[in-house]
Amino acid sequence: MIYNPFPEVNLPFGKDNKWFVYLFEALIRVDRSFIEYEIQDVDDVGALKIIGTNTHLERVFAYELYRQWMNYLEEKGIRNLVVNGEIGKYLKDEFARDFEHDEKKGRDNFPDLVLHKSQGNDDNQIMVCEIKREDVNNADLLLDLYKLSCYLSEQIFWKKPFKYGVFILEGKTASLSKLKIKPGTTTKFKGREITIEEFMDKKELRSTFQNIVCVFYDGTNLNYGTFDNYVDTITKED
């Protein structure tokens, strides 16, 4: 589905669709210059010329989205929620009980952005987001989708689970066609390997897919849909 400014969001979440309106409005305020930048050089007469473009790191996009999201929430008078970036979120002890303490401090524990009451209050665990560039490899794509499922699972997440997960794929040609994972792909989370097939088959994870929204943003156009609509094609070649 294509998102244009100010329509109703076509998601099955009732009144909670407003949180996606706010996120999408913040997203379309993130200019393409936060996705890619121009490479300049000096010609023979000393004038600047553009010789190409290069892509920014994900964190450049994420920081600007954080700013725009917070600004938009303030514009809408939302004072009881906050957006946090790369904040620690751990799974239940029994999920990682066999691993060293230092490993629990790894990057796996820090989702890119979360919308919630606060780090110390889990009354309003609204949304957890992971962001990737369109050139993400299969293993990292699987890892982010798996992490989102874990944060939404009451059986896995150590606190009150988040209501919604959001996977944002950004890039100048970002689209649903980039949401592909090769059969047999594996990733490691908390020291344990999981395959794409295991991820798709686990009942406690698959039950979260309807609450994960995949967003594709190229700096101008925003498309979105729930992950459960994509699971049957994600491993199929075009």
C-alpha atoms as a PDB file:
ATOM      1  CA  MET A   1       0.000   0.000   0.000  1.00  0.00           C
ATOM      2  CA  ILE A   2       1.209   3.497  -0.843  1.00  0.00           C
ATOM      3  CA  TYR A   3       1.101   6.159   1.855  1.00  0.00           C
ATOM      4  CA  ASN A   4       0.270   9.710   0.811  1.00  0.00           C
ATOM      5  CA  PRO A   5       0.137  12.619   3.286  1.00  0.00           C
ATOM      6  CA  PHE A   6      -2.982  12.884   5.408  1.00  0.00           C
ATOM      7  CA  PRO A   7      -5.051   9.851   4.349  1.00  0.00           C
ATOM      8  CA  GLU A   8      -6.192   7.206   6.723  1.00  0.00           C
ATOM      9  CA  VAL A   9      -3.667   4.432   7.191  1.00  0.00           C
ATOM     10  CA  ASN A  10      -4.987   1.139   5.874  1.00  0.00           C
ATOM     11  CA  LEU A  11      -3.921  -1.156   8.707  1.00  0.00           C
ATOM     12  CA  PRO A  12      -6.053  -3.478  10.859  1.00  0.00           C
ATOM     13  CA  PHE A  13      -5.235  -1.844  14.196  1.00  0.00           C
ATOM     14  CA  GLY A  14      -8.298   0.350  14.756  1.00  0.00           C
ATOM     15  CA  LYS A  15      -7.587   3.467  16.808  1.00  0.00           C
ATOM     16  CA  ASP A  16      -3.929   2.470  17.046  1.00  0.00           C
ATOM     17  CA  ASN A  17      -3.552   3.326  13.344  1.00  0.00           C
ATOM     18  CA  LYS A  18      -2.875   6.871  14.546  1.00  0.00           C
ATOM     19  CA  TRP A  19       0.561   5.786  15.765  1.00  0.00           C
ATOM     20  CA  PHE A  20       1.407   4.738  12.226  1.00  0.00           C
ATOM     21  CA  VAL A  21       0.077   8.016  10.831  1.00  0.00           C
ATOM     22  CA  TYR A  22       2.467   9.822  13.167  1.00  0.00           C
ATOM     23  CA  LEU A  23       5.381   7.575  12.200  1.00  0.00           C
ATOM     24  CA  PHE A  24       4.669   7.829   8.474  1.00  0.00           C
ATOM     25  CA  GLU A  25       4.340  11.604   8.663  1.00  0.00           C
ATOM     26  CA  ALA A  26       7.714  11.733  10.391  1.00  0.00           C
ATOM     27  CA  LEU A  27       9.213   9.419   7.773  1.00  0.00           C
ATOM     28  CA  ILE A  28       8.161  11.500   4.789  1.00  0.00           C
ATOM     29  CA  ARG A  29       9.773  14.505   6.476  1.00  0.00           C
ATOM     30  CA  VAL A  30      13.129  12.716   6.266  1.00  0.00           C
ATOM     31  CA  ASP A  31      14.618  14.181   3.116  1.00  0.00           C
ATOM     32  CA  ARG A  32      16.419  11.994   0.576  1.00  0.00           C
ATOM     33  CA  SER A  33      19.629  13.816   1.550  1.00  0.00           C
ATOM     34  CA  PHE A  34      19.599  11.621   4.678  1.00  0.00           C
ATOM     35  CA  ILE A  35      19.569   8.525   2.453  1.00  0.00           C
ATOM     36  CA  GLU A  36      22.283   9.533  -0.016  1.00  0.00           C
ATOM     37  CA  TYR A  37      24.625  12.455  -0.514  1.00  0.00           C
ATOM     38  CA  GLU A  38      26.339  14.044  -3.494  1.00  0.00           C
ATOM     39  CA  ILE A  39      30.024  13.532  -4.164  1.00  0.00           C
ATOM     40  CA  GLN A  40      31.655  16.723  -5.449  1.00  0.00           C
ATOM     41  CA  ASP A  41      34.915  17.469  -7.193  1.00  0.00           C
ATOM     42  CA  VAL A  42      36.594  20.543  -8.669  1.00  0.00           C
ATOM     43  CA  ASP A  43      36.835  20.871 -12.430  1.00  0.00           C
ATOM     44  CA  ASP A  44      39.698  22.388 -14.427  1.00  0.00           C
ATOM     45  CA  VAL A  45      38.557  25.957 -13.807  1.00  0.00           C
ATOM     46  CA  GLY A  46      38.013  25.494 -10.075  1.00  0.00           C
ATOM     47  CA  ALA A  47      34.233  25.108 -10.140  1.00  0.00           C
ATOM     48  CA  LEU A  48      32.496  22.465  -8.073  1.00  0.00           C
ATOM     49  CA  LYS A  49      30.833  19.651  -9.975  1.00  0.00           C
ATOM     50  CA  ILE A  50      28.824  16.637  -8.880  1.00  0.00           C
ATOM     51  CA  ILE A  51      30.493  13.405  -9.908  1.00  0.00           C
ATOM     52  CA  GLY A  52      28.138  10.921  -8.242  1.00  0.00           C
ATOM     53  CA  THR A  53      26.277   9.971  -5.085  1.00  0.00           C
ATOM     54  CA  ASN A  54      26.933   7.712  -2.129  1.00  0.00           C
ATOM     55  CA  THR A  55      24.666   6.187   0.509  1.00  0.00           C
ATOM     56  CA  HIS A  56      24.659   7.305   4.130  1.00  0.00           C
ATOM     57  CA  LEU A  57      25.069   4.927   7.012  1.00  0.00           C
ATOM     58  CA  GLU A  58      21.812   3.731   8.568  1.00  0.00           C
ATOM     59  CA  ARG A  59      22.400   5.817  11.682  1.00  0.00           C
ATOM     60  CA  VAL A  60      22.258   9.061   9.668  1.00  0.00           C
ATOM     61  CA  PHE A  61      18.741   8.157   8.545  1.00  0.00           C
ATOM     62  CA  ALA A  62      17.771   6.884  12.006  1.00  0.00           C
ATOM     63  CA  TYR A  63      18.911  10.053  13.795  1.00  0.00           C
ATOM     64  CA  GLU A  64      16.916  12.271  11.465  1.00  0.00           C
ATOM     65  CA  LEU A  65      13.845  10.047  11.784  1.00  0.00           C
ATOM     66  CA  TYR A  66      14.177  10.269  15.573  1.00  0.00           C
ATOM     67  CA  ARG A  67      14.214  14.080  15.376  1.00  0.00           C
ATOM     68  CA  GLN A  68      11.260  14.286  13.003  1.00  0.00           C
ATOM     69  CA  TRP A  69       9.227  11.726  14.961  1.00  0.00           C
ATOM     70  CA  MET A  70       9.702  13.504  18.277  1.00  0.00           C
ATOM     71  CA  ASN A  71       8.925  16.859  16.673  1.00  0.00           C
ATOM     72  CA  TYR A  72       5.716  15.518  15.147  1.00  0.00           C
ATOM     73  CA  LEU A  73       4.559  13.956  18.411  1.00  0.00           C
ATOM     74  CA  GLU A  74       5.095  17.292  20.116  1.00  0.00           C
ATOM     75  CA  GLU A  75       3.098  19.039  17.363  1.00  0.00           C
ATOM     76  CA  LYS A  76       0.232  16.605  18.008  1.00  0.00           C
ATOM     77  CA  GLY A  77       0.368  17.261  21.741  1.00  0.00           C
ATOM     78  CA  ILE A  78       1.600  13.785  22.693  1.00  0.00           C
ATOM     79  CA  ARG A  79       3.291  14.213  26.069  1.00  0.00           C
ATOM     80  CA  ASN A  80       2.900  10.764  27.638  1.00  0.00           C
ATOM     81  CA  LEU A  81       5.131   8.882  25.189  1.00  0.00           C
ATOM     82  CA  VAL A  82       8.732   9.225  24.101  1.00  0.00           C
ATOM     83  CA  VAL A  83      10.883   7.972  21.245  1.00  0.00           C
ATOM     84  CA  ASN A  84      14.165   6.427  22.378  1.00  0.00           C
ATOM     85  CA  GLY A  85      17.042   5.347  20.157  1.00  0.00           C
ATOM     86  CA  GLU A  86      19.228   2.256  20.601  1.00  0.00           C
ATOM     87  CA  ILE A  87      17.965   1.663  24.107  1.00  0.00           C
ATOM     88  CA  GLY A  88      18.611  -1.636  25.910  1.00  0.00           C
ATOM     89  CA  LYS A  89      15.864  -4.253  25.495  1.00  0.00           C
ATOM     90  CA  TYR A  90      16.525  -7.729  26.851  1.00  0.00           C
ATOM     91  CA  LEU A  91      14.792 -11.054  26.486  1.00  0.00           C
ATOM     92  CA  LYS A  92      13.683 -13.325  29.290  1.00  0.00           C
ATOM     93  CA  ASP A  93      16.472 -14.863  31.351  1.00  0.00           C
ATOM     94  CA  GLU A  94      15.541 -18.372  30.321  1.00  0.00           C
ATOM     95  CA  PHE A  95      15.948 -17.419  26.650  1.00  0.00           C
ATOM     96  CA  ALA A  96      19.611 -16.472  27.151  1.00  0.00           C
ATOM     97  CA  ARG A  97      20.494 -18.286  30.359  1.00  0.00           C
ATOM     98  CA  ASP A  98      23.356 -20.281  28.860  1.00  0.00           C
ATOM     99  CA  PHE A  99      25.334 -17.297  27.639  1.00  0.00           C
ATOM    100  CA  GLU A 100      27.927 -15.033  29.186  1.00  0.00           C
ATOM    101  CA  HIS A 101      26.945 -11.681  30.632  1.00  0.00           C
ATOM    102  CA  ASP A 102      29.164  -9.813  28.169  1.00  0.00           C
ATOM    103  CA  GLU A 103      27.342 -11.350  25.234  1.00  0.00           C
ATOM    104  CA  LYS A 104      24.055  -9.966  26.535  1.00  0.00           C
ATOM    105  CA  LYS A 105      25.496  -6.497  26.035  1.00  0.00           C
ATOM    106  CA  GLY A 106      25.881  -7.037  22.285  1.00  0.00           C
ATOM    107  CA  ARG A 107      24.229  -4.973  19.581  1.00  0.00           C
ATOM    108  CA  ASP A 108      21.343  -7.465  19.432  1.00  0.00           C
ATOM    109  CA  ASN A 109      19.868  -5.908  22.582  1.00  0.00           C
ATOM    110  CA  PHE A 110      19.442  -2.424  21.132  1.00  0.00           C
ATOM    111  CA  PRO A 111      16.585  -1.838  18.678  1.00  0.00           C
ATOM    112  CA  ASP A 112      17.020   1.266  16.543  1.00  0.00           C
ATOM    113  CA  LEU A 113      13.972   3.180  17.804  1.00  0.00           C
ATOM    114  CA  VAL A 114      11.152   2.538  20.252  1.00  0.00           C
ATOM    115  CA  LEU A 115       7.961   4.422  21.072  1.00  0.00           C
ATOM    116  CA  HIS A 116       6.970   3.835  24.687  1.00  0.00           C
ATOM    117  CA  LYS A 117       6.172   5.412  28.043  1.00  0.00           C
ATOM    118  CA  SER A 118       9.765   5.309  29.218  1.00  0.00           C
ATOM    119  CA  GLN A 119      12.626   2.904  29.764  1.00  0.00           C
ATOM    120  CA  GLY A 120      11.484   2.352  33.332  1.00  0.00           C
ATOM    121  CA  ASN A 121       7.762   1.997  32.619  1.00  0.00           C
ATOM    122  CA  ASP A 122       6.231  -0.643  30.361  1.00  0.00           C
ATOM    123  CA  ASP A 123       2.605   0.534  30.570  1.00  0.00           C
ATOM    124  CA  ASN A 124       2.659   1.763  26.967  1.00  0.00           C
ATOM    125  CA  GLN A 125       4.942  -0.433  24.882  1.00  0.00           C
ATOM    126  CA  ILE A 126       3.636   0.882  21.567  1.00  0.00           C
ATOM    127  CA  MET A 127       6.194   0.305  18.853  1.00  0.00           C
ATOM    128  CA  VAL A 128       9.689  -1.064  18.281  1.00  0.00           C
ATOM    129  CA  CYS A 129      11.530  -0.285  15.035  1.00  0.00           C
ATOM    130  CA  GLU A 130      14.470  -1.700  13.148  1.00  0.00           C
ATOM    131  CA  ILE A 131      15.974   0.156  10.187  1.00  0.00           C
ATOM    132  CA  LYS A 132      18.063  -1.238   7.346  1.00  0.00           C
ATOM    133  CA  ARG A 133      19.407   0.098   4.063  1.00  0.00           C
ATOM    134  CA  GLU A 134      18.134  -1.558   0.911  1.00  0.00           C
ATOM    135  CA  ASP A 135      21.470  -3.327   0.381  1.00  0.00           C
ATOM    136  CA  VAL A 136      21.091  -5.324   3.622  1.00  0.00           C
ATOM    137  CA  ASN A 137      22.357  -8.886   3.433  1.00  0.00           C
ATOM    138  CA  ASN A 138      20.059 -11.863   3.957  1.00  0.00           C
ATOM    139  CA  ALA A 139      21.338 -12.746   7.423  1.00  0.00           C
ATOM    140  CA  ASP A 140      20.916  -9.211   8.806  1.00  0.00           C
ATOM    141  CA  LEU A 141      17.453  -8.912   7.269  1.00  0.00           C
ATOM    142  CA  LEU A 142      16.430 -12.158   8.951  1.00  0.00           C
ATOM    143  CA  LEU A 143      18.000 -10.999  12.228  1.00  0.00           C
ATOM    144  CA  ASP A 144      15.992  -7.774  12.359  1.00  0.00           C
ATOM    145  CA  LEU A 145      12.687  -9.467  11.545  1.00  0.00           C
ATOM    146  CA  TYR A 146      13.416 -12.148  14.138  1.00  0.00           C
ATOM    147  CA  LYS A 147      14.276  -9.542  16.773  1.00  0.00           C
ATOM    148  CA  LEU A 148      11.031  -7.717  16.151  1.00  0.00           C
ATOM    149  CA  SER A 149       9.102 -10.947  16.640  1.00  0.00           C
ATOM    150  CA  CYS A 150      10.913 -11.547  19.926  1.00  0.00           C
ATOM    151  CA  TYR A 151      10.068  -8.063  21.214  1.00  0.00           C
ATOM    152  CA  LEU A 152       6.397  -8.727  20.420  1.00  0.00           C
ATOM    153  CA  SER A 153       6.288 -12.172  22.022  1.00  0.00           C
ATOM    154  CA  GLU A 154       5.011 -12.563  25.567  1.00  0.00           C
ATOM    155  CA  GLN A 155       6.852 -15.890  25.787  1.00  0.00           C
ATOM    156  CA  ILE A 156      10.227 -14.382  24.860  1.00  0.00           C
ATOM    157  CA  PHE A 157      10.420 -10.707  25.836  1.00  0.00           C
ATOM    158  CA  TRP A 158      11.207 -10.204  29.532  1.00  0.00           C
ATOM    159  CA  LYS A 159       8.826  -7.267  30.078  1.00  0.00           C
ATOM    160  CA  LYS A 160       5.407  -6.429  28.704  1.00  0.00           C
ATOM    161  CA  PRO A 161       5.837  -7.018  24.960  1.00  0.00           C
ATOM    162  CA  PHE A 162       5.508  -4.270  22.400  1.00  0.00           C
ATOM    163  CA  LYS A 163       2.200  -4.073  20.547  1.00  0.00           C
ATOM    164  CA  TYR A 164       3.739  -3.437  17.133  1.00  0.00           C
ATOM    165  CA  GLY A 165       6.994  -3.961  15.322  1.00  0.00           C
ATOM    166  CA  VAL A 166       8.150  -1.876  12.368  1.00  0.00           C
ATOM    167  CA  PHE A 167      10.818  -2.867   9.869  1.00  0.00           C
ATOM    168  CA  ILE A 168      11.929   0.110   7.761  1.00  0.00           C
ATOM    169  CA  LEU A 169      13.856  -0.539   4.560  1.00  0.00           C
ATOM    170  CA  GLU A 170      15.309   2.715   3.261  1.00  0.00           C
ATOM    171  CA  GLY A 171      17.186   3.537   0.077  1.00  0.00           C
ATOM    172  CA  LYS A 172      16.738   5.317  -3.237  1.00  0.00           C
ATOM    173  CA  THR A 173      15.210   2.171  -4.785  1.00  0.00           C
ATOM    174  CA  ALA A 174      13.733   0.629  -1.616  1.00  0.00           C
ATOM    175  CA  SER A 175      10.705  -1.527  -2.415  1.00  0.00           C
ATOM    176  CA  LEU A 176       8.935  -4.758  -1.549  1.00  0.00           C
ATOM    177  CA  SER A 177      11.082  -6.555  -4.144  1.00  0.00           C
ATOM    178  CA  LYS A 178      14.072  -6.070  -1.814  1.00  0.00           C
ATOM    179  CA  LEU A 179      12.341  -8.007   0.986  1.00  0.00           C
ATOM    180  CA  LYS A 180      13.838 -11.333  -0.038  1.00  0.00           C
ATOM    181  CA  ILE A 181      15.662 -13.962   2.023  1.00  0.00           C
ATOM    182  CA  LYS A 182      17.266 -16.978   0.394  1.00  0.00           C
ATOM    183  CA  PRO A 183      16.127 -20.404   1.623  1.00  0.00           C
ATOM    184  CA  GLY A 184      18.571 -21.810   4.153  1.00  0.00           C
ATOM    185  CA  THR A 185      19.710 -18.377   5.362  1.00  0.00           C
ATOM    186  CA  THR A 186      20.799 -18.433   9.010  1.00  0.00           C
ATOM    187  CA  THR A 187      21.435 -15.727  11.557  1.00  0.00           C
ATOM    188  CA  LYS A 188      22.641 -15.733  15.143  1.00  0.00           C
ATOM    189  CA  PHE A 189      20.764 -14.145  18.028  1.00  0.00           C
ATOM    190  CA  LYS A 190      21.812 -14.568  21.657  1.00  0.00           C
ATOM    191  CA  GLY A 191      24.410 -17.078  20.541  1.00  0.00           C
ATOM    192  CA  ARG A 192      21.825 -19.321  18.916  1.00  0.00           C
ATOM    193  CA  GLU A 193      21.432 -19.865  15.221  1.00  0.00           C
ATOM    194  CA  ILE A 194      18.061 -19.764  13.535  1.00  0.00           C
ATOM    195  CA  THR A 195      17.196 -20.412   9.900  1.00  0.00           C
ATOM    196  CA  ILE A 196      14.599 -18.581   7.863  1.00  0.00           C
ATOM    197  CA  GLU A 197      12.588 -21.812   7.794  1.00  0.00           C
ATOM    198  CA  GLU A 198      12.646 -22.121  11.596  1.00  0.00           C
ATOM    199  CA  PHE A 199      11.650 -18.491  11.929  1.00  0.00           C
ATOM    200  CA  MET A 200       8.651 -19.002   9.671  1.00  0.00           C
ATOM    201  CA  ASP A 201       7.578 -22.217  11.404  1.00  0.00           C
ATOM    202  CA  LYS A 202       7.749 -21.266  15.090  1.00  0.00           C
ATOM    203  CA  LYS A 203       4.189 -20.788  16.295  1.00  0.00           C
ATOM    204  CA  GLU A 204       5.031 -18.210  18.985  1.00  0.00           C
ATOM    205  CA  LEU A 205       6.876 -16.119  16.383  1.00  0.00           C
ATOM    206  CA  ARG A 206       4.461 -16.510  13.490  1.00  0.00           C
ATOM    207  CA  SER A 207       1.661 -15.250  15.716  1.00  0.00           C
ATOM    208  CA  THR A 208       3.433 -11.857  15.823  1.00  0.00           C
ATOM    209  CA  PHE A 209       3.706 -11.412  12.042  1.00  0.00           C
ATOM    210  CA  GLN A 210       0.314  -9.707  11.758  1.00  0.00           C
ATOM    211  CA  ASN A 211       1.563  -6.978  14.115  1.00  0.00           C
ATOM    212  CA  ILE A 212       4.814  -6.301  12.264  1.00  0.00           C
ATOM    213  CA  VAL A 213       4.575  -3.589   9.611  1.00  0.00           C
ATOM    214  CA  CYS A 214       7.162  -3.462   6.826  1.00  0.00           C
ATOM    215  CA  VAL A 215       7.826   0.000   5.411  1.00  0.00           C
ATOM    216  CA  PHE A 216       9.708   0.809   2.205  1.00  0.00           C
ATOM    217  CA  TYR A 217      10.894   4.409   1.832  1.00  0.00           C
ATOM    218  CA  ASP A 218      12.956   5.872  -1.016  1.00  0.00           C
ATOM    219  CA  GLY A 219      13.045   9.480   0.170  1.00  0.00           C
ATOM    220  CA  THR A 220       9.833  10.358  -1.675  1.00  0.00           C
ATOM    221  CA  ASN A 221       7.493   7.371  -1.745  1.00  0.00           C
ATOM    222  CA  LEU A 222       6.401   5.299   1.229  1.00  0.00           C
ATOM    223  CA  ASN A 223       4.865   1.841   0.850  1.00  0.00           C
ATOM    224  CA  TYR A 224       3.840  -0.441   3.673  1.00  0.00           C
ATOM    225  CA  GLY A 225       2.071  -3.642   4.637  1.00  0.00           C
ATOM    226  CA  THR A 226       1.888  -6.182   7.448  1.00  0.00           C
ATOM    227  CA  PHE A 227       4.547  -8.878   7.434  1.00  0.00           C
ATOM    228  CA  ASP A 228       2.038 -11.728   7.443  1.00  0.00           C
ATOM    229  CA  ASN A 229       1.118 -10.717   3.888  1.00  0.00           C
ATOM    230  CA  TYR A 230       4.716 -11.236   2.744  1.00  0.00           C
ATOM    231  CA  VAL A 231       5.793 -14.450   4.454  1.00  0.00           C
ATOM    232  CA  ASP A 232       4.677 -16.699   1.602  1.00  0.00           C
ATOM    233  CA  THR A 233       6.785 -14.853  -0.953  1.00  0.00           C
ATOM    234  CA  ILE A 234       9.798 -13.719   1.046  1.00  0.00           C
ATOM    235  CA  THR A 235      11.870 -16.791   0.154  1.00  0.00           C
ATOM    236  CA  LYS A 236      10.598 -17.163  -3.416  1.00  0.00           C
ATOM    237  CA  GLU A 237      12.642 -15.923  -6.343  1.00  0.00           C
ATOM    238  CA  ASP A 238      10.952 -13.391  -8.625  1.00  0.00           C
END
